[in-house]
Amino acid sequence: MKSKQTPIIIDVEASGFGGQSYPIEVGIAMEDGDKYCSLILPAEDWIHWDSDAEKVHRIARDILETYGKPMRKVAEHLNKLLKGKTIYTDGWVVDKPWLTTLFYNAKVDMEFQVSPLEVILSEEQMAKWHETKDKILGEVEKHHHRASFDAWIIQETFKRTNSIVDH
């Protein structure tokens, strides 16, 4: 079996878990190993905030208001990095709507495709996924639940499960 190309992985952190939530951070693991991460300055009407979500991503709203980049800048930079490419997420049902919210509110057209990671995973990879991901997390000195770190973990898990299947 031929090795699959390393996919570009995206992860989005949000203000909550439901329909009123919005993106607060986006992280990418590029195919060459580079990473991109940005906090997103919330729009004035983005007021929903879930303290349970904050406990997971550990990003306080005042941090976003201080260090977040304007959504238009984030959307334009994502297009610059990803134009014409297909990127993958392990949380498509939430990440895709959050990205759509970002681009819609930024008034920028998304120039890349977002697909579920499962469409490129073999059954063998899926069978080894959780065990492999847990092993990688155990190897990392500090576990930061941040978007670019999460994207890297997903990408590394893909690569290792792919090499297990290849051999």
Protein backbone atom coordinates (compact mmCIF):
# COMPACT_ATOMS: atom_id res chain seq x y z
CA MET A 1 0.00 0.00 0.00
CA LYS A 2 1.33 3.45 -0.95
CA SER A 3 1.67 6.07 1.80
CA LYS A 4 -0.88 8.82 1.71
CA GLN A 5 0.28 12.43 1.51
CA THR A 6 0.36 14.28 4.83
CA PRO A 7 -2.91 16.22 5.06
CA ILE A 8 -3.29 19.81 6.19
CA ILE A 9 -5.23 19.74 9.45
CA ILE A 10 -7.32 22.56 10.93
CA ASP A 11 -8.74 22.86 14.41
CA VAL A 12 -11.08 25.54 15.70
CA GLU A 13 -11.73 26.50 19.31
CA ALA A 14 -15.02 28.22 20.05
CA SER A 15 -16.92 30.20 22.65
CA GLY A 16 -19.18 27.27 23.40
CA PHE A 17 -20.56 24.00 22.13
CA GLY A 18 -23.95 25.01 20.72
CA GLY A 19 -25.44 26.91 17.83
CA GLN A 20 -24.81 30.35 19.35
CA SER A 21 -21.08 29.72 19.66
CA TYR A 22 -18.49 31.34 17.42
CA PRO A 23 -14.82 30.75 16.60
CA ILE A 24 -12.25 32.20 18.97
CA GLU A 25 -9.06 30.50 17.75
CA VAL A 26 -7.97 28.69 14.62
CA GLY A 27 -4.92 26.46 14.28
CA ILE A 28 -3.41 24.70 11.30
CA ALA A 29 -0.76 22.03 10.84
CA MET A 30 0.56 22.40 7.29
CA GLU A 31 1.80 19.45 5.23
CA ASP A 32 5.43 20.63 5.58
CA GLY A 33 5.23 20.75 9.38
CA ASP A 34 4.71 24.51 9.71
CA LYS A 35 1.97 25.63 12.07
CA TYR A 36 -0.33 28.63 12.11
CA CYS A 37 -2.42 29.80 15.05
CA SER A 38 -4.45 32.91 15.70
CA LEU A 39 -6.84 34.15 18.32
CA ILE A 40 -9.92 35.83 16.82
CA LEU A 41 -11.30 39.12 18.10
CA PRO A 42 -15.04 38.53 18.60
CA ALA A 43 -17.54 40.68 16.71
CA GLU A 44 -19.50 43.07 18.91
CA ASP A 45 -22.65 40.93 18.62
CA TRP A 46 -20.79 37.70 19.45
CA ILE A 47 -21.74 37.64 23.11
CA HIS A 48 -22.38 33.96 23.88
CA TRP A 49 -19.76 32.60 26.28
CA ASP A 50 -19.75 29.13 27.85
CA SER A 51 -17.58 28.76 30.96
CA ASP A 52 -17.43 24.97 30.39
CA ALA A 53 -15.88 25.59 26.96
CA GLU A 54 -13.42 28.02 28.52
CA LYS A 55 -12.34 25.28 30.94
CA VAL A 56 -11.47 23.13 27.91
CA HIS A 57 -9.63 25.69 25.75
CA ARG A 58 -8.42 27.89 28.64
CA ILE A 59 -8.84 31.12 26.70
CA ALA A 60 -10.62 33.86 28.61
CA ARG A 61 -12.74 36.34 26.68
CA ASP A 62 -10.57 39.27 27.87
CA ILE A 63 -7.56 37.50 26.32
CA LEU A 64 -9.40 37.50 22.97
CA GLU A 65 -10.29 41.16 23.34
CA THR A 66 -6.65 42.01 24.08
CA TYR A 67 -4.77 39.68 21.70
CA GLY A 68 -7.34 38.54 19.13
CA LYS A 69 -6.84 39.56 15.52
CA PRO A 70 -9.67 41.12 13.53
CA MET A 71 -11.69 38.36 11.86
CA ARG A 72 -11.11 39.81 8.38
CA LYS A 73 -7.33 39.59 8.85
CA VAL A 74 -7.62 35.99 10.07
CA ALA A 75 -9.89 34.99 7.15
CA GLU A 76 -7.62 36.65 4.59
CA HIS A 77 -4.54 34.98 6.07
CA LEU A 78 -6.26 31.58 6.02
CA ASN A 79 -7.05 32.11 2.32
CA LYS A 80 -3.44 33.09 1.64
CA LEU A 81 -2.18 29.89 3.33
CA LEU A 82 -4.82 27.51 2.02
CA LYS A 83 -6.11 28.83 -1.34
CA GLY A 84 -7.29 26.03 -3.61
CA LYS A 85 -6.43 23.30 -1.09
CA THR A 86 -8.51 20.78 0.79
CA ILE A 87 -7.93 20.75 4.52
CA TYR A 88 -9.18 18.21 7.03
CA THR A 89 -10.67 18.29 10.50
CA ASP A 90 -11.61 15.63 13.00
CA GLY A 91 -14.53 17.80 14.11
CA TRP A 92 -16.11 18.70 10.78
CA VAL A 93 -19.65 19.04 12.17
CA VAL A 94 -18.52 21.92 14.39
CA ASP A 95 -15.33 23.25 12.77
CA LYS A 96 -16.90 23.76 9.32
CA PRO A 97 -19.83 25.86 10.69
CA TRP A 98 -17.42 27.90 12.85
CA LEU A 99 -15.23 28.60 9.81
CA THR A 100 -18.34 29.52 7.81
CA THR A 101 -19.31 31.93 10.63
CA LEU A 102 -15.83 33.46 10.59
CA PHE A 103 -15.75 34.02 6.83
CA TYR A 104 -19.37 35.21 6.63
CA ASN A 105 -18.87 37.80 9.37
CA ALA A 106 -15.52 38.86 7.91
CA LYS A 107 -17.24 39.33 4.52
CA VAL A 108 -14.56 37.20 2.86
CA ASP A 109 -15.14 34.23 0.53
CA MET A 110 -13.51 31.01 1.70
CA GLU A 111 -11.04 29.95 -1.00
CA PHE A 112 -10.35 26.43 0.27
CA GLN A 113 -12.34 23.30 1.04
CA VAL A 114 -12.89 21.76 4.48
CA SER A 115 -13.52 18.01 4.65
CA PRO A 116 -13.99 15.46 7.41
CA LEU A 117 -10.78 13.62 8.26
CA GLU A 118 -12.67 10.33 8.09
CA VAL A 119 -12.86 10.55 4.28
CA ILE A 120 -9.10 9.92 4.01
CA LEU A 121 -8.71 7.39 6.85
CA SER A 122 -8.61 3.68 6.13
CA GLU A 123 -10.41 1.24 8.40
CA GLU A 124 -7.00 0.10 9.65
CA GLN A 125 -6.07 3.67 10.58
CA MET A 126 -9.37 4.17 12.39
CA ALA A 127 -8.81 0.97 14.35
CA LYS A 128 -5.42 2.25 15.61
CA TRP A 129 -6.41 5.92 15.95
CA HIS A 130 -7.18 6.33 19.67
CA GLU A 131 -4.35 4.11 20.86
CA THR A 132 -1.86 5.99 18.66
CA LYS A 133 -3.17 9.42 19.65
CA ASP A 134 -2.96 8.54 23.35
CA LYS A 135 0.64 7.39 22.85
CA ILE A 136 1.57 10.69 21.16
CA LEU A 137 -0.08 12.70 23.94
CA GLY A 138 1.93 10.66 26.46
CA GLU A 139 5.17 11.58 24.65
CA VAL A 140 4.52 15.32 24.78
CA GLU A 141 5.94 17.11 27.83
CA LYS A 142 3.14 19.63 28.19
CA HIS A 143 -0.33 19.17 26.81
CA HIS A 144 -1.71 22.51 25.63
CA HIS A 145 -5.31 22.41 24.48
CA ARG A 146 -4.78 25.02 21.80
CA ALA A 147 -5.88 24.89 18.20
CA SER A 148 -2.46 24.54 16.51
CA PHE A 149 -1.31 21.94 19.05
CA ASP A 150 -4.53 19.96 18.54
CA ALA A 151 -4.11 20.19 14.74
CA TRP A 152 -0.52 18.90 15.07
CA ILE A 153 -1.64 15.99 17.29
CA ILE A 154 -4.27 14.99 14.71
CA GLN A 155 -1.77 15.26 11.86
CA GLU A 156 0.87 13.27 13.76
CA THR A 157 -1.70 10.60 14.58
CA PHE A 158 -2.61 10.42 10.89
CA LYS A 159 1.04 10.01 9.90
CA ARG A 160 1.77 7.32 12.50
CA THR A 161 -1.38 5.31 11.81
CA ASN A 162 -0.62 5.57 8.11
CA SER A 163 2.91 4.20 8.61
CA ILE A 164 1.57 1.37 10.82
CA VAL A 165 -0.80 0.41 8.03
CA ASP A 166 2.00 0.64 5.41
CA HIS A 167 4.26 -1.86 7.17
